Amino acid sequence: MGLFDFFKKKPAAPKVVVEVLYPQTWENGEAPVEPTVLAAEVLQPTPGEAVEIQVPSHIAAEDVAPVAEVVETVETETETETETETETETETETETETETAVTSETNLDEGLTKTRKTWSERWNAFMANFRSVDEDFFEELEETLIGADVGAQTALQLTDELRNEVKLQNAKSKADISRVIIDKLVEHYRSQGVNEDASMHFAPEGPTVILFVGVNGVGKTTTIGKMSARYKAEGKQVVLAAADTFRAGATQQLQAWGERNGIPVVAGAANADPASVVYDGVKTAIETNADILFVDTAGRLQNNVNLMQELAKMKRIITRELPNEPQEVLLALDATTGQNALQQARLFKDSTDVTGIVLTKLDGTAKGGIILPIRNELHLPVKWVGLGEQVGDLQPFDADDFAKSLFGSLLIGDDK
């Protein structure tokens, strides 16, 4: 409602009594016994008619802003606010369109840019100090590997293997040493995938339940949104269950993904029993003949006993209705947290039947080397990696492609 519309609703020409309050001293130094009042005519939106307002003599005329200026200021501020709201809505729509786009995908090479650059810088700095292949050399190599987030246990194992490999190949020059070590790292990454089952498993009949676990902030809900959009695009009928009822906004976030992708979302009230939401989700998936049910779970601190009991309760409810489910329990880890992600993986593996890892935000970190200890020490397959904000930037993990993208520049001497 505009300023003039507001005044139109007033009676024709009422007399208004205005009490004037001032926080400063009055002219005679004392506040008046009776409040000062003045008569004022109500502003009417009729062109050419002025408004007569008598101002007490102790107020300077220049301190009173003309009515026209006040109206102009209000109108300008209203227009500015409207323009700002319009711009915000446009930006929101643009962001939504960007998030739902599947065409512009980030490939693995682009997603590993920061990690690859860090690897190259560390490796070049290490080899710049090369003098001879002695014990100091291997100690520095071990420190370099630990600094590259491959983990202490994996770094120690690799260093021991490289001692023997360097001797076997009689490598002495800087070029030979570099080639032997990089070849060994590539081989190690690839060998982990030989007997590794990184494929997704689906139920032979009935809905497949995919349970997502992980601490808050790692990107579980966003990953579910992206993965559900991917499978829907493949022709699967998908249902989402918002069982993260403790985190503020988690249900709304998943519902937003559901609306965006045209996928039904089963939700409960805030702070409701997560297991009850899971039960409703399973029932909905069965009744609607859905192919996949994605379950978003709570993500409080990973060492919270109640959280693990909660996850166990969810699984019991799922298996009671669908004895062979869940087919997948995917642990979402934030790649930017490095060794913290490894510790989270250990704790969740010890408490739940994790079947695979989803490593998110890989494009935004230089700590992509964390994949190696996760697979080497915990023997958990990395099934998906997040390489960007687009729906299509969630991609299946391939150990061979990862090794080529990460170490390829060092093998061919080209800094990407």
Protein backbone atom coordinates (compact mmCIF):
# COMPACT_ATOMS: atom_id res chain seq x y z
CA MET A 1 0.00 0.00 0.00
CA GLY A 2 1.46 3.39 -1.04
CA LEU A 3 1.77 6.43 1.17
CA PHE A 4 -1.21 8.23 -0.41
CA ASP A 5 -3.39 5.11 -0.22
CA PHE A 6 -2.73 5.05 3.49
CA PHE A 7 -3.94 8.61 3.95
CA LYS A 8 -7.02 8.03 1.80
CA LYS A 9 -8.41 5.71 4.47
CA LYS A 10 -8.50 8.53 7.03
CA PRO A 11 -11.66 10.55 7.73
CA ALA A 12 -12.23 13.62 5.57
CA ALA A 13 -10.54 16.28 7.69
CA PRO A 14 -10.04 15.17 11.30
CA LYS A 15 -8.31 17.26 13.89
CA VAL A 16 -5.28 15.51 15.31
CA VAL A 17 -3.83 16.25 18.73
CA VAL A 18 -0.08 15.64 18.72
CA GLU A 19 1.97 15.45 21.87
CA VAL A 20 5.47 16.72 21.21
CA LEU A 21 8.18 14.97 23.21
CA TYR A 22 11.76 16.20 23.19
CA PRO A 23 14.70 14.59 24.97
CA GLN A 24 16.47 17.96 25.26
CA THR A 25 16.05 20.92 27.62
CA TRP A 26 13.20 23.32 26.95
CA GLU A 27 13.67 27.04 26.32
CA ASN A 28 13.20 28.09 29.93
CA GLY A 29 15.22 25.12 31.20
CA GLU A 30 12.15 23.40 32.63
CA ALA A 31 9.68 20.99 31.14
CA PRO A 32 6.17 22.44 30.83
CA VAL A 33 3.54 21.35 33.29
CA GLU A 34 1.05 20.62 30.55
CA PRO A 35 2.17 18.82 27.38
CA THR A 36 2.54 21.03 24.37
CA VAL A 37 -0.05 20.23 21.74
CA LEU A 38 -0.64 21.52 18.28
CA ALA A 39 -3.33 21.15 15.71
CA ALA A 40 -2.48 19.60 12.37
CA GLU A 41 -4.44 19.04 9.22
CA VAL A 42 -4.34 15.54 7.79
CA LEU A 43 -2.52 15.29 4.49
CA GLN A 44 -4.86 14.75 1.58
CA PRO A 45 -3.58 13.50 -1.78
CA THR A 46 -5.06 16.49 -3.65
CA PRO A 47 -2.68 18.39 -5.96
CA GLY A 48 -2.07 21.99 -5.03
CA GLU A 49 -3.21 21.74 -1.40
CA ALA A 50 -0.58 22.44 1.22
CA VAL A 51 -0.55 21.03 4.72
CA GLU A 52 -0.46 23.59 7.50
CA ILE A 53 1.48 22.47 10.52
CA GLN A 54 2.33 24.84 13.33
CA VAL A 55 5.73 24.05 14.75
CA PRO A 56 6.72 25.22 18.26
CA SER A 57 8.91 28.29 18.12
CA HIS A 58 11.87 26.56 19.79
CA ILE A 59 12.28 24.22 16.78
CA ALA A 60 14.26 25.69 13.91
CA ALA A 61 12.45 25.68 10.60
CA GLU A 62 15.44 24.17 8.83
CA ASP A 63 15.20 21.11 11.15
CA VAL A 64 11.82 20.19 9.67
CA ALA A 65 12.06 18.29 6.40
CA PRO A 66 9.56 19.41 3.75
CA VAL A 67 6.73 16.97 3.20
CA ALA A 68 7.60 16.66 -0.48
CA GLU A 69 11.12 15.55 0.42
CA VAL A 70 9.79 12.98 2.89
CA VAL A 71 7.37 11.54 0.32
CA GLU A 72 10.10 11.45 -2.31
CA THR A 73 12.47 9.68 0.09
CA VAL A 74 9.85 7.07 1.02
CA GLU A 75 9.01 6.42 -2.62
CA THR A 76 12.72 6.13 -3.53
CA GLU A 77 13.37 3.69 -0.69
CA THR A 78 10.33 1.63 -1.70
CA GLU A 79 11.49 1.50 -5.30
CA THR A 80 15.01 0.53 -4.20
CA GLU A 81 13.66 -2.25 -1.97
CA THR A 82 11.47 -3.51 -4.81
CA GLU A 83 14.39 -3.51 -7.20
CA THR A 84 16.57 -5.33 -4.64
CA GLU A 85 13.88 -7.96 -4.07
CA THR A 86 13.51 -8.44 -7.82
CA GLU A 87 17.27 -8.82 -8.22
CA THR A 88 17.39 -11.31 -5.34
CA GLU A 89 14.57 -13.36 -6.87
CA THR A 90 16.37 -13.32 -10.22
CA GLU A 91 19.62 -14.45 -8.60
CA THR A 92 17.79 -17.22 -6.74
CA GLU A 93 16.16 -18.41 -9.96
CA THR A 94 19.53 -18.34 -11.72
CA GLU A 95 21.15 -20.33 -8.92
CA THR A 96 18.34 -22.88 -9.05
CA GLU A 97 18.70 -23.24 -12.80
CA THR A 98 22.45 -23.61 -12.39
CA GLU A 99 22.10 -26.27 -9.74
CA THR A 100 19.64 -28.30 -11.78
CA ALA A 101 21.63 -28.13 -15.01
CA VAL A 102 23.07 -31.48 -15.99
CA THR A 103 24.80 -30.44 -19.18
CA SER A 104 27.87 -28.59 -17.86
CA GLU A 105 29.75 -31.29 -15.99
CA THR A 106 33.13 -30.93 -14.33
CA ASN A 107 35.45 -33.69 -15.44
CA LEU A 108 37.90 -35.42 -13.12
CA ASP A 109 40.86 -33.54 -14.54
CA GLU A 110 39.26 -30.18 -13.72
CA GLY A 111 38.01 -31.33 -10.34
CA LEU A 112 41.48 -32.41 -9.21
CA THR A 113 43.20 -29.16 -10.24
CA LYS A 114 43.93 -28.01 -6.68
CA THR A 115 45.04 -31.43 -5.48
CA ARG A 116 47.22 -32.00 -8.52
CA LYS A 117 48.85 -28.58 -8.15
CA THR A 118 49.66 -29.29 -4.50
CA TRP A 119 51.08 -32.70 -5.38
CA SER A 120 53.27 -31.14 -8.08
CA GLU A 121 54.50 -28.37 -5.79
CA ARG A 122 55.33 -30.80 -2.98
CA TRP A 123 56.98 -33.22 -5.35
CA ASN A 124 59.08 -30.58 -7.10
CA ALA A 125 60.19 -29.15 -3.75
CA PHE A 126 61.13 -32.64 -2.58
CA MET A 127 63.10 -33.52 -5.71
CA ALA A 128 64.84 -30.13 -5.71
CA ASN A 129 66.65 -31.26 -2.55
CA PHE A 130 67.71 -34.57 -4.09
CA ARG A 131 71.36 -35.42 -3.55
CA SER A 132 71.56 -39.16 -3.21
CA VAL A 133 69.38 -42.16 -2.39
CA ASP A 134 70.10 -42.59 1.29
CA GLU A 135 68.11 -42.92 4.50
CA ASP A 136 67.58 -39.14 4.72
CA PHE A 137 66.05 -39.26 1.25
CA PHE A 138 63.45 -41.84 2.28
CA GLU A 139 62.67 -40.02 5.53
CA GLU A 140 61.96 -36.86 3.54
CA LEU A 141 59.87 -38.91 1.10
CA GLU A 142 57.78 -40.25 3.98
CA GLU A 143 57.22 -36.72 5.32
CA THR A 144 56.25 -35.51 1.84
CA LEU A 145 53.68 -38.29 1.48
CA ILE A 146 52.21 -37.57 4.92
CA GLY A 147 51.98 -33.90 4.01
CA ALA A 148 50.05 -34.89 0.90
CA ASP A 149 47.33 -36.47 3.09
CA VAL A 150 48.05 -40.09 2.23
CA GLY A 151 48.14 -40.90 5.96
CA ALA A 152 51.03 -42.03 8.18
CA GLN A 153 50.34 -45.75 7.83
CA THR A 154 50.09 -45.59 4.03
CA ALA A 155 53.14 -43.31 3.79
CA LEU A 156 55.21 -45.76 5.83
CA GLN A 157 54.07 -48.71 3.71
CA LEU A 158 54.80 -46.89 0.46
CA THR A 159 58.24 -45.77 1.63
CA ASP A 160 59.21 -49.35 2.54
CA GLU A 161 58.04 -50.60 -0.85
CA LEU A 162 59.94 -47.83 -2.63
CA ARG A 163 63.19 -48.69 -0.85
CA ASN A 164 63.07 -52.13 -2.45
CA GLU A 165 61.83 -50.85 -5.80
CA VAL A 166 64.64 -48.30 -6.16
CA LYS A 167 67.21 -51.01 -5.43
CA LEU A 168 65.61 -53.47 -7.85
CA GLN A 169 65.62 -50.97 -10.69
CA ASN A 170 69.04 -49.58 -9.74
CA ALA A 171 67.67 -46.05 -10.03
CA LYS A 172 70.25 -43.39 -9.22
CA SER A 173 69.57 -40.27 -11.26
CA LYS A 174 66.92 -37.75 -10.27
CA ALA A 175 64.82 -38.59 -13.35
CA ASP A 176 64.98 -42.34 -12.68
CA ILE A 177 64.13 -41.94 -9.00
CA SER A 178 61.17 -39.70 -9.81
CA ARG A 179 59.85 -42.12 -12.42
CA VAL A 180 60.13 -45.15 -10.09
CA ILE A 181 58.33 -43.42 -7.22
CA ILE A 182 55.51 -41.95 -9.32
CA ASP A 183 55.01 -45.26 -11.13
CA LYS A 184 54.74 -46.96 -7.74
CA LEU A 185 52.16 -44.43 -6.51
CA VAL A 186 50.08 -44.88 -9.67
CA GLU A 187 50.32 -48.65 -9.33
CA HIS A 188 49.26 -48.44 -5.70
CA TYR A 189 46.16 -46.41 -6.54
CA ARG A 190 45.23 -48.75 -9.36
CA SER A 191 45.90 -51.96 -7.43
CA GLN A 192 43.47 -50.93 -4.72
CA GLY A 193 40.71 -51.06 -7.30
CA VAL A 194 41.45 -54.54 -8.66
CA ASN A 195 39.35 -56.46 -6.12
CA GLU A 196 37.37 -53.46 -5.01
CA ASP A 197 33.63 -53.41 -5.58
CA ALA A 198 32.87 -49.79 -6.37
CA SER A 199 29.60 -50.55 -8.16
CA MET A 200 26.16 -49.70 -6.81
CA HIS A 201 23.98 -52.63 -5.75
CA PHE A 202 20.26 -52.82 -6.45
CA ALA A 203 17.59 -55.17 -5.17
CA PRO A 204 16.52 -57.87 -7.65
CA GLU A 205 12.90 -56.95 -6.92
CA GLY A 206 11.12 -54.29 -4.92
CA PRO A 207 12.59 -50.96 -3.87
CA THR A 208 16.32 -50.54 -3.24
CA VAL A 209 17.09 -48.65 -0.04
CA ILE A 210 20.20 -46.43 -0.04
CA LEU A 211 21.04 -45.10 3.41
CA PHE A 212 23.25 -42.01 3.70
CA VAL A 213 25.28 -41.48 6.89
CA GLY A 214 27.87 -38.92 7.94
CA VAL A 215 28.40 -35.93 10.21
CA ASN A 216 26.67 -32.60 9.66
CA GLY A 217 28.06 -30.36 6.96
CA VAL A 218 29.66 -32.98 4.72
CA GLY A 219 27.01 -32.65 2.00
CA LYS A 220 24.74 -35.67 2.59
CA THR A 221 21.52 -33.89 1.64
CA THR A 222 22.99 -32.21 -1.43
CA THR A 223 24.51 -35.51 -2.57
CA ILE A 224 21.14 -37.23 -2.20
CA GLY A 225 19.56 -34.49 -4.29
CA LYS A 226 22.14 -34.89 -7.05
CA MET A 227 22.12 -38.70 -7.01
CA SER A 228 18.33 -38.92 -7.00
CA ALA A 229 18.19 -36.57 -10.00
CA ARG A 230 20.73 -38.76 -11.79
CA TYR A 231 18.76 -41.97 -11.25
CA LYS A 232 15.47 -40.34 -12.12
CA ALA A 233 17.01 -39.19 -15.41
CA GLU A 234 17.87 -42.85 -16.03
CA GLY A 235 14.19 -43.76 -15.73
CA LYS A 236 14.12 -44.88 -12.08
CA GLN A 237 11.19 -44.06 -9.83
CA VAL A 238 12.67 -42.43 -6.73
CA VAL A 239 11.41 -41.55 -3.25
CA LEU A 240 13.27 -39.51 -0.60
CA ALA A 241 12.94 -39.87 3.19
CA ALA A 242 13.96 -36.85 5.29
CA ALA A 243 15.03 -38.67 8.47
CA ASP A 244 17.48 -35.94 9.57
CA THR A 245 14.89 -34.41 11.87
CA PHE A 246 17.35 -32.86 14.34
CA ARG A 247 19.20 -30.42 12.08
CA ALA A 248 17.34 -27.19 11.47
CA GLY A 249 16.41 -26.84 7.82
CA ALA A 250 17.47 -30.35 6.80
CA THR A 251 13.94 -31.46 5.93
CA GLN A 252 13.22 -28.25 4.02
CA GLN A 253 16.48 -28.61 2.11
CA LEU A 254 15.59 -32.13 0.99
CA GLN A 255 12.05 -31.04 0.14
CA ALA A 256 13.50 -28.28 -2.03
CA TRP A 257 15.54 -30.87 -3.92
CA GLY A 258 12.42 -33.02 -4.27
CA GLU A 259 10.40 -30.14 -5.73
CA ARG A 260 13.25 -29.20 -8.04
CA ASN A 261 13.58 -32.73 -9.41
CA GLY A 262 9.92 -33.73 -9.23
CA ILE A 263 10.58 -36.44 -6.64
CA PRO A 264 8.25 -37.17 -3.66
CA VAL A 265 9.70 -36.57 -0.19
CA VAL A 266 8.46 -38.33 2.96
CA ALA A 267 8.98 -36.07 5.98
CA GLY A 268 7.95 -35.77 9.61
CA ALA A 269 7.68 -32.98 12.16
CA ALA A 270 10.76 -31.24 13.52
CA ASN A 271 12.53 -33.38 16.16
CA ALA A 272 10.30 -36.33 15.31
CA ASP A 273 11.62 -39.86 15.74
CA PRO A 274 13.85 -40.40 12.66
CA ALA A 275 12.96 -44.09 12.63
CA SER A 276 9.27 -43.23 12.16
CA VAL A 277 10.15 -41.21 9.05
CA VAL A 278 12.17 -44.14 7.74
CA TYR A 279 9.21 -46.46 8.35
CA ASP A 280 6.87 -44.12 6.44
CA GLY A 281 9.45 -43.83 3.67
CA VAL A 282 9.73 -47.60 3.28
CA LYS A 283 5.94 -47.99 3.25
CA THR A 284 5.61 -45.25 0.62
CA ALA A 285 8.31 -46.82 -1.55
CA ILE A 286 6.57 -50.21 -1.40
CA GLU A 287 3.08 -48.83 -2.05
CA THR A 288 4.21 -46.67 -4.99
CA ASN A 289 6.39 -49.41 -6.51
CA ALA A 290 9.42 -47.12 -6.32
CA ASP A 291 12.76 -48.36 -7.59
CA ILE A 292 14.94 -46.49 -5.09
CA LEU A 293 14.42 -45.02 -1.63
CA PHE A 294 17.11 -42.57 -0.49
CA VAL A 295 17.23 -42.03 3.28
CA ASP A 296 18.86 -38.89 4.69
CA THR A 297 19.94 -39.55 8.29
CA ALA A 298 20.94 -37.38 11.24
CA GLY A 299 24.56 -36.27 11.38
CA ARG A 300 25.41 -35.22 14.87
CA LEU A 301 28.91 -35.82 16.22
CA GLN A 302 30.33 -39.09 14.97
CA ASN A 303 31.29 -40.18 18.51
CA ASN A 304 27.75 -39.70 19.81
CA VAL A 305 26.57 -43.14 20.96
CA ASN A 306 22.94 -42.15 20.50
CA LEU A 307 23.54 -41.42 16.84
CA MET A 308 24.89 -44.90 16.20
CA GLN A 309 22.00 -46.46 18.10
CA GLU A 310 19.66 -44.37 15.98
CA LEU A 311 21.22 -45.65 12.76
CA ALA A 312 20.97 -49.23 14.02
CA LYS A 313 17.29 -48.69 14.82
CA MET A 314 16.65 -47.35 11.31
CA LYS A 315 18.31 -50.38 9.79
CA ARG A 316 16.18 -52.76 11.91
CA ILE A 317 13.01 -51.02 10.73
CA ILE A 318 14.12 -51.24 7.10
CA THR A 319 15.03 -54.94 7.30
CA ARG A 320 11.75 -55.72 9.05
CA GLU A 321 9.81 -54.47 6.02
CA LEU A 322 12.43 -55.35 3.36
CA PRO A 323 14.64 -58.20 4.66
CA ASN A 324 17.40 -57.71 2.07
CA GLU A 325 17.73 -53.96 2.54
CA PRO A 326 19.46 -51.57 2.70
CA GLN A 327 21.54 -52.50 -0.32
CA GLU A 328 23.87 -49.55 0.24
CA VAL A 329 25.01 -47.61 3.31
CA LEU A 330 26.99 -44.71 1.86
CA LEU A 331 29.22 -42.63 4.11
CA ALA A 332 29.55 -39.02 2.94
CA LEU A 333 32.93 -37.43 3.71
CA ASP A 334 34.09 -33.87 3.09
CA ALA A 335 37.37 -34.03 1.17
CA THR A 336 38.39 -30.59 2.45
CA THR A 337 38.77 -31.96 5.99
CA GLY A 338 41.65 -34.28 5.07
CA GLN A 339 42.69 -36.50 7.98
CA ASN A 340 39.49 -35.68 9.88
CA ALA A 341 37.58 -37.41 7.10
CA LEU A 342 39.74 -40.50 7.62
CA GLN A 343 38.96 -40.49 11.34
CA GLN A 344 35.23 -40.16 10.64
CA ALA A 345 35.44 -43.08 8.23
CA ARG A 346 37.08 -45.25 10.92
CA LEU A 347 34.40 -44.47 13.50
CA PHE A 348 31.45 -44.98 11.17
CA LYS A 349 32.92 -48.20 9.79
CA ASP A 350 33.28 -49.57 13.32
CA SER A 351 29.68 -48.66 14.17
CA THR A 352 27.73 -49.23 10.94
CA ASP A 353 27.86 -51.51 7.92
CA VAL A 354 29.28 -48.93 5.52
CA THR A 355 29.36 -50.26 1.95
CA GLY A 356 31.02 -47.31 0.26
CA ILE A 357 32.25 -43.73 0.43
CA VAL A 358 30.98 -40.57 -1.25
CA LEU A 359 33.81 -38.04 -1.18
CA THR A 360 32.30 -34.57 -1.58
CA LYS A 361 33.86 -31.18 -2.44
CA LEU A 362 36.87 -32.78 -4.10
CA ASP A 363 37.11 -29.86 -6.50
CA GLY A 364 37.48 -27.34 -3.68
CA THR A 365 40.44 -28.88 -1.88
CA ALA A 366 44.10 -29.75 -2.23
CA LYS A 367 43.59 -32.80 0.01
CA GLY A 368 42.36 -35.29 -2.59
CA GLY A 369 45.14 -37.65 -1.56
CA ILE A 370 42.92 -38.71 1.35
CA ILE A 371 41.31 -41.22 -1.02
CA LEU A 372 44.40 -43.44 -0.79
CA PRO A 373 44.38 -44.10 2.99
CA ILE A 374 40.59 -44.48 3.01
CA ARG A 375 40.89 -47.31 0.52
CA ASN A 376 44.24 -48.67 1.70
CA GLU A 377 43.73 -48.63 5.47
CA LEU A 378 39.99 -49.06 5.79
CA HIS A 379 39.37 -51.15 2.66
CA LEU A 380 36.30 -49.11 1.86
CA PRO A 381 35.56 -48.42 -1.79
CA VAL A 382 35.11 -44.81 -2.86
CA LYS A 383 32.00 -45.09 -5.03
CA TRP A 384 31.26 -41.45 -5.86
CA VAL A 385 33.15 -38.17 -5.91
CA GLY A 386 31.71 -34.65 -5.90
CA LEU A 387 33.49 -32.38 -8.37
CA GLY A 388 31.32 -29.27 -8.41
CA GLU A 389 27.94 -27.65 -7.86
CA GLN A 390 26.13 -29.07 -10.90
CA VAL A 391 23.91 -32.12 -10.63
CA GLY A 392 26.16 -33.90 -13.15
CA ASP A 393 29.27 -33.13 -11.10
CA LEU A 394 28.59 -36.09 -8.83
CA GLN A 395 30.42 -38.86 -10.67
CA PRO A 396 31.29 -42.53 -10.12
CA PHE A 397 34.85 -43.00 -8.88
CA ASP A 398 37.37 -44.79 -11.10
CA ALA A 399 40.77 -45.53 -9.52
CA ASP A 400 42.60 -45.71 -12.85
CA ASP A 401 41.24 -42.37 -14.08
CA PHE A 402 41.95 -40.82 -10.68
CA ALA A 403 45.61 -41.92 -10.76
CA LYS A 404 46.06 -40.59 -14.28
CA SER A 405 44.52 -37.24 -13.41
CA LEU A 406 46.46 -36.86 -10.17
CA PHE A 407 49.93 -38.02 -11.24
CA GLY A 408 49.76 -37.69 -15.02
CA SER A 409 51.49 -34.31 -15.10
CA LEU A 410 54.38 -35.69 -13.03
CA LEU A 411 54.76 -38.69 -15.31
CA ILE A 412 54.98 -36.63 -18.46
CA GLY A 413 56.68 -33.62 -16.88
CA ASP A 414 53.81 -31.27 -17.63
CA ASP A 415 52.43 -29.09 -14.86
CA LYS A 416 48.72 -28.80 -15.45
